[in-house]
Amino acid sequence: MNQATRTASPVLPQTADIPIVSVVVPTFNERDNVTTLYRRLEAAFKDVPWEVVFVDDNSPDGTWQVVRELSRNDNRVRCIRRIGRRGLSGACIEGILAASAPYAAVIDADLQHDETQLPKMLSLLQSGAAELVVGSRYIEGGSAASFDSKRAGASAFATEIARRALKVEVNDPMSGFFMIRRDRFEQIAPDLSTQGFKILLDIIASAEGGLKTVEVPYTFGSRLHGESKLDSMVALDFLGLVLAKMTNDVVSLRFLLFAMVGGTGLVVHLATLFLGLNLFDLPFAEAQALGAFVAMTSNFILNNFLTYRDQRLKGFAILRGLLLFYLVCSVGLLANVGVAFSVYDQEPIWWLAGAAGALMGVVWNYAISGLFVWRKR
């Protein structure tokens, strides 16, 4: 008589309570800080069910490895390792959308934000007093005394621009420390840019006043380990974001950066055209083609450094990308020279003809570049 074979039920690890709040931490080269931050979050939340989602942009220092080791010992710790993608805003968006809790907080890994304010922020959301809670340095009780004079001035200027240009009423729209209802974030997420650093400003501007917002004061601390990720390019990211929101996202932040680079290319183009006509005595068509070629080269270099820096080509890929950039833009170049020559034939004003030809290729070059040169792999 055959007896049914009984299989033993697997012993499953004990699971923690379902988290009420998910803390999203974008990281890049923060291996010396993530363990300290984890311990601080554990102390701050105490009996509140929580999880932390580290979103790491494939840090060369192995930040993601440290996070993975933490997750082996605590299933409240999660790691998203991004390959081929860079940028704080994009990391925050991915982290919040991957969160499992109804409330999501964003905090930096550099230990400059005050994690002890998180329970207060959570209570404001749970009570219905707010849908978005912002950790603010610029209200009574808050402080940014750790800023040097240069950074303090830049922060104040950017805040004033955001408040005036985008009609933002929050005192600290440039803060990187906030908590939001995840369902409200999911409604806004399709309108957000994955580029840049100012995710909070993007959220507030995209909501168009539709988020009930409360600010809580905190003191911005000093970085203990690692280096700041802020550089001179952040200013252009910020300007592009403001312009994009002022146009109701008719054009993307990346296109605006591409167009800004194109503006510098126009100057290079016209300068080369002027030199070709007056210094080398070239025929107009040849001088125009030379101007287009030099401008195309400078545009590639600047776009690789700025517009597509999250997909920046390196090493041999730079040469390959440059050659491909020449190839895919050749149709735009032919249109450029054709339009410019036609304008010059009708009205021999060299700068007008040159500008008309150069502007002809902007949209074409942007579309083709995104498809073939800096395509995501």
Foldseek 3Di string as FASTA:
>chain_A
DDDDDDDDDDDDDDDDPQAQEEEEEEDAPLLVQQVVVVVLLCVLQPPHHYAYEYEYAQHPVPSQVSQVVVCVVPVSGHYHYDYLFDAQLLSVLVRLVPDRHQKYKYDYRQPQWDSNCVVVQSVCCVVVVWQKEAADQPDPPHHAVVDDPVVVVVQVVLQVCLCVLLVQPDNRQQDRTMMGGSVLCVVQSVQADSHAHRNSSRSRSSCVPVTNYHYDHYYGHDGDDDDDPDDPLNVLLSVLSSVCSSVVNPDPSLLVQLVVLLVVLLVQLLVQLVCCCPVVVDPNLVSNLVSNVVSLVSSLVVCLVHSLVSLRDDDPLSVVLSVVLCVQCVVLSVQLSVQLVVVCVVPVDNSVSSVRSSVSRSVSSVVSCCVPRSDRD
